Protein backbone atom coordinates (compact mmCIF):
# COMPACT_ATOMS: atom_id res chain seq x y z
CA MET A 1 0.00 0.00 0.00
CA SER A 2 1.36 3.43 -0.87
CA THR A 3 1.36 6.36 1.54
CA LEU A 4 -1.59 8.74 1.11
CA VAL A 5 -0.67 11.49 3.56
CA LYS A 6 2.17 12.22 5.94
CA VAL A 7 1.65 13.90 9.32
CA GLN A 8 4.66 15.93 10.47
CA HIS A 9 5.68 16.25 14.14
CA LYS A 10 3.86 19.60 14.49
CA GLY A 11 0.67 18.22 12.96
CA GLN A 12 1.24 19.54 9.46
CA VAL A 13 -0.07 17.22 6.78
CA THR A 14 1.44 16.57 3.35
CA ILE A 15 -1.22 15.55 0.83
CA PRO A 16 -0.13 14.27 -2.59
CA THR A 17 -0.92 16.47 -5.61
CA ARG A 18 -3.33 13.90 -7.08
CA LEU A 19 -5.47 13.92 -3.93
CA ARG A 20 -5.33 17.73 -3.61
CA ARG A 21 -6.67 18.05 -7.15
CA GLN A 22 -9.45 15.54 -6.49
CA ALA A 23 -10.44 17.34 -3.31
CA GLY A 24 -10.27 20.79 -4.90
CA ILE A 25 -7.59 22.00 -2.50
CA ALA A 26 -5.21 24.74 -3.66
CA GLU A 27 -2.22 26.40 -2.00
CA GLY A 28 -3.35 28.96 0.56
CA ASP A 29 -6.88 27.55 0.91
CA LEU A 30 -8.43 27.80 4.35
CA LYS A 31 -10.76 24.97 5.26
CA LYS A 32 -13.34 25.08 8.04
CA GLY A 33 -12.97 22.17 10.44
CA ARG A 34 -13.84 18.65 9.46
CA THR A 35 -16.38 18.59 6.67
CA PHE A 36 -16.47 14.84 6.03
CA GLY A 37 -15.47 11.77 7.97
CA PRO A 38 -14.01 10.44 10.11
CA PHE A 39 -13.07 7.55 7.86
CA ASN A 40 -12.04 4.09 8.95
CA THR A 41 -9.93 3.47 5.85
CA ALA A 42 -8.29 5.40 3.04
CA ASP A 43 -10.68 3.68 0.62
CA GLU A 44 -13.65 5.17 2.51
CA MET A 45 -12.08 8.62 2.26
CA ILE A 46 -11.44 8.26 -1.48
CA ALA A 47 -15.00 7.02 -2.07
CA SER A 48 -16.34 10.03 -0.17
CA MET A 49 -14.16 12.41 -2.18
CA LYS A 50 -15.35 10.86 -5.46
CA ALA A 51 -19.00 11.15 -4.35
CA GLN A 52 -18.52 14.82 -3.48
CA LEU A 53 -16.85 15.48 -6.85
CA SER A 54 -19.79 13.82 -8.60
CA LYS A 55 -22.21 16.03 -6.67
CA ARG A 56 -20.23 19.14 -7.58
CA ALA A 57 -20.15 18.15 -11.25
CA ALA A 58 -23.92 17.56 -11.27
CA ALA A 59 -24.55 20.91 -9.57
CA ALA A 60 -22.25 22.70 -12.02
CA LYS A 61 -24.02 21.04 -14.95
CA LYS A 62 -27.38 22.30 -13.67
CA THR A 63 -26.14 25.89 -13.44
CA GLN A 64 -24.66 25.98 -16.96
CA PRO A 65 -26.82 27.83 -19.50
CA SER A 66 -28.47 25.75 -22.21
CA ARG A 67 -27.00 25.94 -25.69
């Protein structure tokens, strides 16, 4: 199993680029508390992220003007 995140000694977390893109996280973003989880496994977290991305895509599709 490959490492998904690394927690530093001061609590800082390193999240791989692929996961940051999937979660919509950019440098300098401020996030309010825990929005999803806790998760028992990394697979649960990834499934939750994919579900949220699907919801965002569906919402964005609804707000796009018709052609």
